[in-house]
Amino acid sequence: MPKSSRSLSALPSQTVKPLEGLGLRLRAHRVHRAWTVAEMAERLMCSPNTLRALESGKPGTSIGLLAHALWLLGQIDSLDSVAPAPAELAAKRRVRRSAAQGTAGVIAEGERDF
């Protein structure tokens, strides 16, 4: 039984069309390698219907399955170009420390007990 989600049924065409294009490109890579749907599905460890959904650009397919398919097709590096972080955010990157860690470089009293 397929998953049902109001958010997926309300997707605007501006999001559906790029997904369909991505699915077509995945299919083109598979066909270029002369892999059948059954062979690719076996490599992905999914059903042929799930692979067909991915290649059709169905928005409910797993992002993990997409990443796995890109890896199998030698295209995993293409994910790095998806939604790159704005340069100003990358420059302001902060590292959070929990309060339990204390001050950096200071050995807590409980750590001295050997």
PDB file of N, CA and C in Angstrom:
ATOM      1  N   MET A   1       0.845  -1.179   0.000  1.00  0.00           N
ATOM      2  CA  MET A   1       0.000   0.000   0.000  1.00  0.00           C
ATOM      3  C   MET A   1       0.891   1.244   0.000  1.00  0.00           C
ATOM      4  N   PRO A   2       0.674   2.175  -0.945  1.00  0.00           N
ATOM      5  CA  PRO A   2       1.520   3.352  -1.021  1.00  0.00           C
ATOM      6  C   PRO A   2       1.287   4.289   0.153  1.00  0.00           C
ATOM      7  N   LYS A   3       2.341   5.029   0.498  1.00  0.00           N
ATOM      8  CA  LYS A   3       2.229   6.007   1.565  1.00  0.00           C
ATOM      9  C   LYS A   3       1.387   7.182   1.082  1.00  0.00           C
ATOM     10  N   SER A   4       0.623   7.756   1.964  1.00  0.00           N
ATOM     11  CA  SER A   4      -0.203   8.906   1.626  1.00  0.00           C
ATOM     12  C   SER A   4       0.243  10.081   2.467  1.00  0.00           C
ATOM     13  N   SER A   5       0.398  11.210   1.826  1.00  0.00           N
ATOM     14  CA  SER A   5       0.813  12.393   2.549  1.00  0.00           C
ATOM     15  C   SER A   5       0.169  13.616   1.910  1.00  0.00           C
ATOM     16  N   ARG A   6      -0.423  14.455   2.729  1.00  0.00           N
ATOM     17  CA  ARG A   6      -1.021  15.682   2.197  1.00  0.00           C
ATOM     18  C   ARG A   6       0.037  16.574   1.589  1.00  0.00           C
ATOM     19  N   SER A   7       1.232  16.599   2.182  1.00  0.00           N
ATOM     20  CA  SER A   7       2.280  17.469   1.652  1.00  0.00           C
ATOM     21  C   SER A   7       2.713  17.021   0.256  1.00  0.00           C
ATOM     22  N   LEU A   8       2.732  15.715   0.007  1.00  0.00           N
ATOM     23  CA  LEU A   8       3.115  15.220  -1.315  1.00  0.00           C
ATOM     24  C   LEU A   8       2.031  15.490  -2.340  1.00  0.00           C
ATOM     25  N   SER A   9       0.774  15.398  -1.938  1.00  0.00           N
ATOM     26  CA  SER A   9      -0.316  15.634  -2.889  1.00  0.00           C
ATOM     27  C   SER A   9      -0.463  17.117  -3.210  1.00  0.00           C
ATOM     28  N   ALA A  10       0.106  17.991  -2.403  1.00  0.00           N
ATOM     29  CA  ALA A  10      -0.008  19.433  -2.606  1.00  0.00           C
ATOM     30  C   ALA A  10       1.230  20.030  -3.271  1.00  0.00           C
ATOM     31  N   LEU A  11       2.118  19.191  -3.785  1.00  0.00           N
ATOM     32  CA  LEU A  11       3.334  19.720  -4.398  1.00  0.00           C
ATOM     33  C   LEU A  11       3.010  20.558  -5.630  1.00  0.00           C
ATOM     34  N   PRO A  12       3.603  21.741  -5.731  1.00  0.00           N
ATOM     35  CA  PRO A  12       3.395  22.542  -6.936  1.00  0.00           C
ATOM     36  C   PRO A  12       4.155  21.946  -8.116  1.00  0.00           C
ATOM     37  N   SER A  13       3.708  22.273  -9.311  1.00  0.00           N
ATOM     38  CA  SER A  13       4.350  21.726 -10.515  1.00  0.00           C
ATOM     39  C   SER A  13       5.814  22.147 -10.603  1.00  0.00           C
ATOM     40  N   GLN A  14       6.177  23.255  -9.981  1.00  0.00           N
ATOM     41  CA  GLN A  14       7.577  23.701 -10.001  1.00  0.00           C
ATOM     42  C   GLN A  14       8.492  22.723  -9.271  1.00  0.00           C
ATOM     43  N   THR A  15       7.954  21.900  -8.396  1.00  0.00           N
ATOM     44  CA  THR A  15       8.771  20.891  -7.722  1.00  0.00           C
ATOM     45  C   THR A  15       8.652  19.526  -8.374  1.00  0.00           C
ATOM     46  N   VAL A  16       7.516  19.274  -9.012  1.00  0.00           N
ATOM     47  CA  VAL A  16       7.296  17.968  -9.633  1.00  0.00           C
ATOM     48  C   VAL A  16       8.128  17.814 -10.907  1.00  0.00           C
ATOM     49  N   LYS A  17       8.167  18.842 -11.725  1.00  0.00           N
ATOM     50  CA  LYS A  17       8.879  18.761 -13.005  1.00  0.00           C
ATOM     51  C   LYS A  17      10.381  18.475 -12.830  1.00  0.00           C
ATOM     52  N   PRO A  18      11.086  19.140 -11.910  1.00  0.00           N
ATOM     53  CA  PRO A  18      12.501  18.794 -11.721  1.00  0.00           C
ATOM     54  C   PRO A  18      12.701  17.357 -11.230  1.00  0.00           C
ATOM     55  N   LEU A  19      11.777  16.858 -10.396  1.00  0.00           N
ATOM     56  CA  LEU A  19      11.871  15.463  -9.951  1.00  0.00           C
ATOM     57  C   LEU A  19      11.700  14.508 -11.122  1.00  0.00           C
ATOM     58  N   GLU A  20      10.760  14.822 -11.994  1.00  0.00           N
ATOM     59  CA  GLU A  20      10.570  13.985 -13.178  1.00  0.00           C
ATOM     60  C   GLU A  20      11.811  14.002 -14.064  1.00  0.00           C
ATOM     61  N   GLY A  21      12.430  15.169 -14.213  1.00  0.00           N
ATOM     62  CA  GLY A  21      13.667  15.273 -14.993  1.00  0.00           C
ATOM     63  C   GLY A  21      14.793  14.468 -14.379  1.00  0.00           C
ATOM     64  N   LEU A  22      14.904  14.523 -13.047  1.00  0.00           N
ATOM     65  CA  LEU A  22      15.926  13.737 -12.355  1.00  0.00           C
ATOM     66  C   LEU A  22      15.687  12.248 -12.585  1.00  0.00           C
ATOM     67  N   GLY A  23      14.441  11.821 -12.494  1.00  0.00           N
ATOM     68  CA  GLY A  23      14.109  10.421 -12.739  1.00  0.00           C
ATOM     69  C   GLY A  23      14.486   9.987 -14.145  1.00  0.00           C
ATOM     70  N   LEU A  24      14.222  10.842 -15.115  1.00  0.00           N
ATOM     71  CA  LEU A  24      14.580  10.525 -16.499  1.00  0.00           C
ATOM     72  C   LEU A  24      16.093  10.415 -16.676  1.00  0.00           C
ATOM     73  N   ARG A  25      16.826  11.288 -15.994  1.00  0.00           N
ATOM     74  CA  ARG A  25      18.303  11.214 -16.075  1.00  0.00           C
ATOM     75  C   ARG A  25      18.826   9.937 -15.437  1.00  0.00           C
ATOM     76  N   LEU A  26      18.226   9.533 -14.308  1.00  0.00           N
ATOM     77  CA  LEU A  26      18.622   8.266 -13.679  1.00  0.00           C
ATOM     78  C   LEU A  26      18.356   7.100 -14.626  1.00  0.00           C
ATOM     79  N   ARG A  27      17.194   7.119 -15.264  1.00  0.00           N
ATOM     80  CA  ARG A  27      16.853   6.065 -16.216  1.00  0.00           C
ATOM     81  C   ARG A  27      17.846   6.052 -17.376  1.00  0.00           C
ATOM     82  N   ALA A  28      18.217   7.224 -17.875  1.00  0.00           N
ATOM     83  CA  ALA A  28      19.172   7.304 -18.982  1.00  0.00           C
ATOM     84  C   ALA A  28      20.515   6.695 -18.583  1.00  0.00           C
ATOM     85  N   HIS A  29      20.967   6.952 -17.364  1.00  0.00           N
ATOM     86  CA  HIS A  29      22.222   6.356 -16.882  1.00  0.00           C
ATOM     87  C   HIS A  29      22.096   4.837 -16.801  1.00  0.00           C
ATOM     88  N   ARG A  30      20.953   4.365 -16.313  1.00  0.00           N
ATOM     89  CA  ARG A  30      20.746   2.919 -16.212  1.00  0.00           C
ATOM     90  C   ARG A  30      20.740   2.275 -17.595  1.00  0.00           C
ATOM     91  N   VAL A  31      20.015   2.872 -18.526  1.00  0.00           N
ATOM     92  CA  VAL A  31      19.935   2.340 -19.886  1.00  0.00           C
ATOM     93  C   VAL A  31      21.311   2.378 -20.554  1.00  0.00           C
ATOM     94  N   HIS A  32      22.065   3.448 -20.318  1.00  0.00           N
ATOM     95  CA  HIS A  32      23.415   3.565 -20.876  1.00  0.00           C
ATOM     96  C   HIS A  32      24.309   2.405 -20.419  1.00  0.00           C
ATOM     97  N   ARG A  33      24.092   1.946 -19.191  1.00  0.00           N
ATOM     98  CA  ARG A  33      24.859   0.812 -18.671  1.00  0.00           C
ATOM     99  C   ARG A  33      24.261  -0.536 -19.085  1.00  0.00           C
ATOM    100  N   ALA A  34      23.175  -0.490 -19.830  1.00  0.00           N
ATOM    101  CA  ALA A  34      22.472  -1.684 -20.306  1.00  0.00           C
ATOM    102  C   ALA A  34      21.966  -2.554 -19.154  1.00  0.00           C
ATOM    103  N   TRP A  35      21.552  -1.904 -18.051  1.00  0.00           N
ATOM    104  CA  TRP A  35      20.967  -2.605 -16.927  1.00  0.00           C
ATOM    105  C   TRP A  35      19.450  -2.603 -17.091  1.00  0.00           C
ATOM    106  N   THR A  36      18.835  -3.724 -16.844  1.00  0.00           N
ATOM    107  CA  THR A  36      17.378  -3.791 -16.857  1.00  0.00           C
ATOM    108  C   THR A  36      16.843  -3.220 -15.542  1.00  0.00           C
ATOM    109  N   VAL A  37      15.543  -2.989 -15.504  1.00  0.00           N
ATOM    110  CA  VAL A  37      14.910  -2.528 -14.264  1.00  0.00           C
ATOM    111  C   VAL A  37      15.147  -3.551 -13.165  1.00  0.00           C
ATOM    112  N   ALA A  38      15.006  -4.829 -13.497  1.00  0.00           N
ATOM    113  CA  ALA A  38      15.194  -5.883 -12.496  1.00  0.00           C
ATOM    114  C   ALA A  38      16.633  -5.904 -11.975  1.00  0.00           C
ATOM    115  N   GLU A  39      17.616  -5.734 -12.854  1.00  0.00           N
ATOM    116  CA  GLU A  39      19.024  -5.739 -12.422  1.00  0.00           C
ATOM    117  C   GLU A  39      19.332  -4.547 -11.528  1.00  0.00           C
ATOM    118  N   MET A  40      18.867  -3.378 -11.914  1.00  0.00           N
ATOM    119  CA  MET A  40      19.119  -2.179 -11.110  1.00  0.00           C
ATOM    120  C   MET A  40      18.405  -2.277  -9.765  1.00  0.00           C
ATOM    121  N   ALA A  41      17.174  -2.765  -9.776  1.00  0.00           N
ATOM    122  CA  ALA A  41      16.419  -2.916  -8.522  1.00  0.00           C
ATOM    123  C   ALA A  41      17.131  -3.884  -7.585  1.00  0.00           C
ATOM    124  N   GLU A  42      17.685  -4.951  -8.144  1.00  0.00           N
ATOM    125  CA  GLU A  42      18.421  -5.904  -7.313  1.00  0.00           C
ATOM    126  C   GLU A  42      19.656  -5.245  -6.710  1.00  0.00           C
ATOM    127  N   ARG A  43      20.358  -4.458  -7.496  1.00  0.00           N
ATOM    128  CA  ARG A  43      21.542  -3.752  -6.983  1.00  0.00           C
ATOM    129  C   ARG A  43      21.159  -2.744  -5.896  1.00  0.00           C
ATOM    130  N   LEU A  44      19.999  -2.118  -6.053  1.00  0.00           N
ATOM    131  CA  LEU A  44      19.522  -1.148  -5.061  1.00  0.00           C
ATOM    132  C   LEU A  44      18.847  -1.801  -3.863  1.00  0.00           C
ATOM    133  N   MET A  45      18.594  -3.111  -3.978  1.00  0.00           N
ATOM    134  CA  MET A  45      17.891  -3.849  -2.935  1.00  0.00           C
ATOM    135  C   MET A  45      16.495  -3.271  -2.698  1.00  0.00           C
ATOM    136  N   CYS A  46      15.810  -2.990  -3.810  1.00  0.00           N
ATOM    137  CA  CYS A  46      14.433  -2.523  -3.742  1.00  0.00           C
ATOM    138  C   CYS A  46      13.618  -3.288  -4.786  1.00  0.00           C
ATOM    139  N   SER A  47      12.351  -3.064  -4.800  1.00  0.00           N
ATOM    140  CA  SER A  47      11.501  -3.734  -5.787  1.00  0.00           C
ATOM    141  C   SER A  47      11.588  -2.999  -7.126  1.00  0.00           C
ATOM    142  N   PRO A  48      11.297  -3.691  -8.208  1.00  0.00           N
ATOM    143  CA  PRO A  48      11.253  -3.012  -9.505  1.00  0.00           C
ATOM    144  C   PRO A  48      10.246  -1.857  -9.523  1.00  0.00           C
ATOM    145  N   ASN A  49       9.134  -2.015  -8.820  1.00  0.00           N
ATOM    146  CA  ASN A  49       8.144  -0.927  -8.768  1.00  0.00           C
ATOM    147  C   ASN A  49       8.707   0.311  -8.076  1.00  0.00           C
ATOM    148  N   THR A  50       9.509   0.108  -7.033  1.00  0.00           N
ATOM    149  CA  THR A  50      10.126   1.244  -6.345  1.00  0.00           C
ATOM    150  C   THR A  50      11.117   1.936  -7.265  1.00  0.00           C
ATOM    151  N   LEU A  51      11.892   1.167  -8.009  1.00  0.00           N
ATOM    152  CA  LEU A  51      12.824   1.769  -8.969  1.00  0.00           C
ATOM    153  C   LEU A  51      12.051   2.538 -10.036  1.00  0.00           C
ATOM    154  N   ARG A  52      10.966   1.967 -10.523  1.00  0.00           N
ATOM    155  CA  ARG A  52      10.147   2.674 -11.518  1.00  0.00           C
ATOM    156  C   ARG A  52       9.615   3.993 -10.946  1.00  0.00           C
ATOM    157  N   ALA A  53       9.230   3.984  -9.680  1.00  0.00           N
ATOM    158  CA  ALA A  53       8.749   5.212  -9.033  1.00  0.00           C
ATOM    159  C   ALA A  53       9.863   6.246  -8.968  1.00  0.00           C
ATOM    160  N   LEU A  54      11.082   5.810  -8.646  1.00  0.00           N
ATOM    161  CA  LEU A  54      12.227   6.722  -8.600  1.00  0.00           C
ATOM    162  C   LEU A  54      12.491   7.299  -9.979  1.00  0.00           C
ATOM    163  N   GLU A  55      12.474   6.453 -10.989  1.00  0.00           N
ATOM    164  CA  GLU A  55      12.743   6.900 -12.354  1.00  0.00           C
ATOM    165  C   GLU A  55      11.595   7.731 -12.929  1.00  0.00           C
ATOM    166  N   SER A  56      10.431   7.652 -12.326  1.00  0.00           N
ATOM    167  CA  SER A  56       9.294   8.470 -12.758  1.00  0.00           C
ATOM    168  C   SER A  56       9.275   9.817 -12.046  1.00  0.00           C
ATOM    169  N   GLY A  57      10.144   9.972 -11.054  1.00  0.00           N
ATOM    170  CA  GLY A  57      10.183  11.214 -10.301  1.00  0.00           C
ATOM    171  C   GLY A  57       9.104  11.325  -9.256  1.00  0.00           C
ATOM    172  N   LYS A  58       8.590  10.184  -8.785  1.00  0.00           N
ATOM    173  CA  LYS A  58       7.564  10.206  -7.743  1.00  0.00           C
ATOM    174  C   LYS A  58       8.166  10.811  -6.475  1.00  0.00           C
ATOM    175  N   PRO A  59       7.531  11.826  -5.909  1.00  0.00           N
ATOM    176  CA  PRO A  59       8.116  12.515  -4.755  1.00  0.00           C
ATOM    177  C   PRO A  59       8.153  11.701  -3.470  1.00  0.00           C
ATOM    178  N   GLY A  60       7.448  10.594  -3.391  1.00  0.00           N
ATOM    179  CA  GLY A  60       7.437   9.807  -2.162  1.00  0.00           C
ATOM    180  C   GLY A  60       8.570   8.811  -2.050  1.00  0.00           C
ATOM    181  N   THR A  61       9.427   8.719  -3.050  1.00  0.00           N
ATOM    182  CA  THR A  61      10.528   7.755  -2.969  1.00  0.00           C
ATOM    183  C   THR A  61      11.609   8.286  -2.040  1.00  0.00           C
ATOM    184  N   SER A  62      12.350   7.379  -1.465  1.00  0.00           N
ATOM    185  CA  SER A  62      13.326   7.702  -0.426  1.00  0.00           C
ATOM    186  C   SER A  62      14.533   8.471  -0.966  1.00  0.00           C
ATOM    187  N   ILE A  63      14.959   9.467  -0.217  1.00  0.00           N
ATOM    188  CA  ILE A  63      16.166  10.202  -0.584  1.00  0.00           C
ATOM    189  C   ILE A  63      17.396   9.297  -0.435  1.00  0.00           C
ATOM    190  N   GLY A  64      17.313   8.337   0.488  1.00  0.00           N
ATOM    191  CA  GLY A  64      18.400   7.366   0.632  1.00  0.00           C
ATOM    192  C   GLY A  64      18.508   6.480  -0.593  1.00  0.00           C
ATOM    193  N   LEU A  65      17.371   6.095  -1.145  1.00  0.00           N
ATOM    194  CA  LEU A  65      17.370   5.294  -2.366  1.00  0.00           C
ATOM    195  C   LEU A  65      17.943   6.102  -3.522  1.00  0.00           C
ATOM    196  N   LEU A  66      17.605   7.376  -3.588  1.00  0.00           N
ATOM    197  CA  LEU A  66      18.163   8.250  -4.617  1.00  0.00           C
ATOM    198  C   LEU A  66      19.678   8.315  -4.499  1.00  0.00           C
ATOM    199  N   ALA A  67      20.179   8.518  -3.287  1.00  0.00           N
ATOM    200  CA  ALA A  67      21.626   8.578  -3.076  1.00  0.00           C
ATOM    201  C   ALA A  67      22.285   7.257  -3.453  1.00  0.00           C
ATOM    202  N   HIS A  68      21.662   6.141  -3.106  1.00  0.00           N
ATOM    203  CA  HIS A  68      22.203   4.827  -3.443  1.00  0.00           C
ATOM    204  C   HIS A  68      22.253   4.655  -4.964  1.00  0.00           C
ATOM    205  N   ALA A  69      21.186   5.061  -5.643  1.00  0.00           N
ATOM    206  CA  ALA A  69      21.154   4.958  -7.107  1.00  0.00           C
ATOM    207  C   ALA A  69      22.241   5.822  -7.732  1.00  0.00           C
ATOM    208  N   LEU A  70      22.408   7.032  -7.230  1.00  0.00           N
ATOM    209  CA  LEU A  70      23.470   7.905  -7.757  1.00  0.00           C
ATOM    210  C   LEU A  70      24.844   7.277  -7.543  1.00  0.00           C
ATOM    211  N   TRP A  71      25.039   6.657  -6.399  1.00  0.00           N
ATOM    212  CA  TRP A  71      26.320   5.996  -6.117  1.00  0.00           C
ATOM    213  C   TRP A  71      26.553   4.845  -7.096  1.00  0.00           C
ATOM    214  N   LEU A  72      25.532   4.004  -7.295  1.00  0.00           N
ATOM    215  CA  LEU A  72      25.671   2.876  -8.218  1.00  0.00           C
ATOM    216  C   LEU A  72      25.995   3.338  -9.633  1.00  0.00           C
ATOM    217  N   LEU A  73      25.446   4.486 -10.008  1.00  0.00           N
ATOM    218  CA  LEU A  73      25.637   4.997 -11.354  1.00  0.00           C
ATOM    219  C   LEU A  73      26.875   5.881 -11.482  1.00  0.00           C
ATOM    220  N   GLY A  74      27.653   5.983 -10.401  1.00  0.00           N
ATOM    221  CA  GLY A  74      28.866   6.785 -10.433  1.00  0.00           C
ATOM    222  C   GLY A  74      28.605   8.277 -10.443  1.00  0.00           C
ATOM    223  N   GLN A  75      27.453   8.696  -9.921  1.00  0.00           N
ATOM    224  CA  GLN A  75      27.066  10.104  -9.945  1.00  0.00           C
ATOM    225  C   GLN A  75      26.883  10.708  -8.553  1.00  0.00           C
ATOM    226  N   ILE A  76      27.376  10.044  -7.521  1.00  0.00           N
ATOM    227  CA  ILE A  76      27.130  10.508  -6.147  1.00  0.00           C
ATOM    228  C   ILE A  76      27.697  11.909  -5.898  1.00  0.00           C
ATOM    229  N   ASP A  77      28.781  12.263  -6.575  1.00  0.00           N
ATOM    230  CA  ASP A  77      29.359  13.598  -6.376  1.00  0.00           C
ATOM    231  C   ASP A  77      28.416  14.705  -6.839  1.00  0.00           C
ATOM    232  N   SER A  78      27.451  14.366  -7.683  1.00  0.00           N
ATOM    233  CA  SER A  78      26.510  15.385  -8.152  1.00  0.00           C
ATOM    234  C   SER A  78      25.624  15.902  -7.020  1.00  0.00           C
ATOM    235  N   LEU A  79      25.506  15.157  -5.932  1.00  0.00           N
ATOM    236  CA  LEU A  79      24.715  15.635  -4.787  1.00  0.00           C
ATOM    237  C   LEU A  79      25.343  16.855  -4.126  1.00  0.00           C
ATOM    238  N   ASP A  80      26.659  17.014  -4.267  1.00  0.00           N
ATOM    239  CA  ASP A  80      27.326  18.162  -3.659  1.00  0.00           C
ATOM    240  C   ASP A  80      26.844  19.485  -4.237  1.00  0.00           C
ATOM    241  N   SER A  81      26.330  19.468  -5.455  1.00  0.00           N
ATOM    242  CA  SER A  81      25.876  20.707  -6.073  1.00  0.00           C
ATOM    243  C   SER A  81      24.412  21.024  -5.768  1.00  0.00           C
ATOM    244  N   VAL A  82      23.736  20.157  -5.039  1.00  0.00           N
ATOM    245  CA  VAL A  82      22.330  20.390  -4.700  1.00  0.00           C
ATOM    246  C   VAL A  82      22.253  21.319  -3.493  1.00  0.00           C
ATOM    247  N   ALA A  83      21.587  22.427  -3.668  1.00  0.00           N
ATOM    248  CA  ALA A  83      21.338  23.407  -2.602  1.00  0.00           C
ATOM    249  C   ALA A  83      22.592  23.731  -1.793  1.00  0.00           C
ATOM    250  N   PRO A  84      23.627  24.269  -2.435  1.00  0.00           N
ATOM    251  CA  PRO A  84      24.830  24.626  -1.677  1.00  0.00           C
ATOM    252  C   PRO A  84      24.516  25.705  -0.638  1.00  0.00           C
ATOM    253  N   ALA A  85      25.217  25.655   0.470  1.00  0.00           N
ATOM    254  CA  ALA A  85      25.003  26.633   1.532  1.00  0.00           C
ATOM    255  C   ALA A  85      25.504  28.003   1.079  1.00  0.00           C
ATOM    256  N   PRO A  86      24.788  29.061   1.430  1.00  0.00           N
ATOM    257  CA  PRO A  86      25.274  30.403   1.099  1.00  0.00           C
ATOM    258  C   PRO A  86      26.640  30.639   1.727  1.00  0.00           C
ATOM    259  N   ALA A  87      27.497  31.324   1.013  1.00  0.00           N
ATOM    260  CA  ALA A  87      28.871  31.551   1.476  1.00  0.00           C
ATOM    261  C   ALA A  87      28.909  32.228   2.842  1.00  0.00           C
ATOM    262  N   GLU A  88      27.992  33.165   3.079  1.00  0.00           N
ATOM    263  CA  GLU A  88      28.011  33.865   4.364  1.00  0.00           C
ATOM    264  C   GLU A  88      27.651  32.954   5.526  1.00  0.00           C
ATOM    265  N   LEU A  89      26.880  31.899   5.283  1.00  0.00           N
ATOM    266  CA  LEU A  89      26.585  30.939   6.345  1.00  0.00           C
ATOM    267  C   LEU A  89      27.784  30.051   6.627  1.00  0.00           C
ATOM    268  N   ALA A  90      28.489  29.648   5.594  1.00  0.00           N
ATOM    269  CA  ALA A  90      29.658  28.788   5.773  1.00  0.00           C
ATOM    270  C   ALA A  90      30.740  29.510   6.557  1.00  0.00           C
ATOM    271  N   ALA A  91      30.868  30.805   6.366  1.00  0.00           N
ATOM    272  CA  ALA A  91      31.891  31.577   7.068  1.00  0.00           C
ATOM    273  C   ALA A  91      31.552  31.759   8.541  1.00  0.00           C
ATOM    274  N   LYS A  92      30.275  31.729   8.891  1.00  0.00           N
ATOM    275  CA  LYS A  92      29.847  31.955  10.273  1.00  0.00           C
ATOM    276  C   LYS A  92      29.577  30.661  11.015  1.00  0.00           C
ATOM    277  N   ARG A  93      30.115  29.586  10.560  1.00  0.00           N
ATOM    278  CA  ARG A  93      29.844  28.287  11.181  1.00  0.00           C
ATOM    279  C   ARG A  93      30.290  28.282  12.638  1.00  0.00           C
ATOM    280  N   ARG A  94      29.393  27.823  13.492  1.00  0.00           N
ATOM    281  CA  ARG A  94      29.698  27.752  14.920  1.00  0.00           C
ATOM    282  C   ARG A  94      29.724  26.312  15.368  1.00  0.00           C
ATOM    283  N   VAL A  95      30.543  26.062  16.360  1.00  0.00           N
ATOM    284  CA  VAL A  95      30.593  24.736  16.964  1.00  0.00           C
ATOM    285  C   VAL A  95      29.989  24.868  18.350  1.00  0.00           C
ATOM    286  N   ARG A  96      28.973  24.066  18.626  1.00  0.00           N
ATOM    287  CA  ARG A  96      28.328  24.121  19.936  1.00  0.00           C
ATOM    288  C   ARG A  96      28.938  23.089  20.861  1.00  0.00           C
ATOM    289  N   ARG A  97      29.093  23.487  22.090  1.00  0.00           N
ATOM    290  CA  ARG A  97      29.566  22.572  23.129  1.00  0.00           C
ATOM    291  C   ARG A  97      28.476  22.425  24.160  1.00  0.00           C
ATOM    292  N   SER A  98      28.326  21.230  24.655  1.00  0.00           N
ATOM    293  CA  SER A  98      27.338  21.048  25.711  1.00  0.00           C
ATOM    294  C   SER A  98      27.913  21.589  27.015  1.00  0.00           C
ATOM    295  N   ALA A  99      27.026  21.968  27.915  1.00  0.00           N
ATOM    296  CA  ALA A  99      27.454  22.509  29.199  1.00  0.00           C
ATOM    297  C   ALA A  99      28.224  21.469  30.003  1.00  0.00           C
ATOM    298  N   ALA A 100      27.946  20.193  29.739  1.00  0.00           N
ATOM    299  CA  ALA A 100      28.604  19.126  30.485  1.00  0.00           C
ATOM    300  C   ALA A 100      30.084  19.005  30.116  1.00  0.00           C
ATOM    301  N   GLN A 101      30.467  19.508  28.951  1.00  0.00           N
ATOM    302  CA  GLN A 101      31.853  19.382  28.515  1.00  0.00           C
ATOM    303  C   GLN A 101      32.774  20.339  29.263  1.00  0.00           C
ATOM    304  N   GLY A 102      32.234  21.425  29.788  1.00  0.00           N
ATOM    305  CA  GLY A 102      33.062  22.368  30.510  1.00  0.00           C
ATOM    306  C   GLY A 102      33.927  23.199  29.578  1.00  0.00           C
ATOM    307  N   THR A 103      34.948  23.805  30.133  1.00  0.00           N
ATOM    308  CA  THR A 103      35.841  24.665  29.367  1.00  0.00           C
ATOM    309  C   THR A 103      36.847  23.822  28.604  1.00  0.00           C
ATOM    310  N   ALA A 104      37.113  24.213  27.381  1.00  0.00           N
ATOM    311  CA  ALA A 104      38.056  23.474  26.541  1.00  0.00           C
ATOM    312  C   ALA A 104      39.456  23.539  27.144  1.00  0.00           C
ATOM    313  N   GLY A 105      40.145  22.429  27.161  1.00  0.00           N
ATOM    314  CA  GLY A 105      41.517  22.366  27.648  1.00  0.00           C
ATOM    315  C   GLY A 105      41.656  22.221  29.154  1.00  0.00           C
ATOM    316  N   VAL A 106      40.549  22.171  29.884  1.00  0.00           N
ATOM    317  CA  VAL A 106      40.595  22.062  31.341  1.00  0.00           C
ATOM    318  C   VAL A 106      40.121  20.664  31.719  1.00  0.00           C
ATOM    319  N   ILE A 107      40.890  19.977  32.540  1.00  0.00           N
ATOM    320  CA  ILE A 107      40.531  18.643  32.991  1.00  0.00           C
ATOM    321  C   ILE A 107      39.603  18.778  34.185  1.00  0.00           C
ATOM    322  N   ALA A 108      38.433  18.199  34.070  1.00  0.00           N
ATOM    323  CA  ALA A 108      37.459  18.263  35.152  1.00  0.00           C
ATOM    324  C   ALA A 108      37.897  17.365  36.300  1.00  0.00           C
ATOM    325  N   GLU A 109      37.404  17.646  37.478  1.00  0.00           N
ATOM    326  CA  GLU A 109      37.783  16.902  38.679  1.00  0.00           C
ATOM    327  C   GLU A 109      37.464  15.412  38.525  1.00  0.00           C
ATOM    328  N   GLY A 110      36.314  15.077  37.924  1.00  0.00           N
ATOM    329  CA  GLY A 110      35.919  13.683  37.754  1.00  0.00           C
ATOM    330  C   GLY A 110      36.790  12.928  36.769  1.00  0.00           C
ATOM    331  N   GLU A 111      37.519  13.628  35.904  1.00  0.00           N
ATOM    332  CA  GLU A 111      38.384  12.995  34.924  1.00  0.00           C
ATOM    333  C   GLU A 111      39.759  12.636  35.500  1.00  0.00           C
ATOM    334  N   ARG A 112      40.070  13.124  36.666  1.00  0.00           N
ATOM    335  CA  ARG A 112      41.385  12.886  37.266  1.00  0.00           C
ATOM    336  C   ARG A 112      41.479  11.588  38.032  1.00  0.00           C
ATOM    337  N   ASP A 113      40.377  10.931  38.196  1.00  0.00           N
ATOM    338  CA  ASP A 113      40.338   9.701  38.978  1.00  0.00           C
ATOM    339  C   ASP A 113      40.747   8.521  38.092  1.00  0.00           C
ATOM    340  N   PHE A 114      41.902   7.963  38.317  1.00  0.00           N
ATOM    341  CA  PHE A 114      42.391   6.839  37.528  1.00  0.00           C
ATOM    342  C   PHE A 114      42.061   5.595  38.236  1.00  0.00           C
TER     343      PHE A 114
END
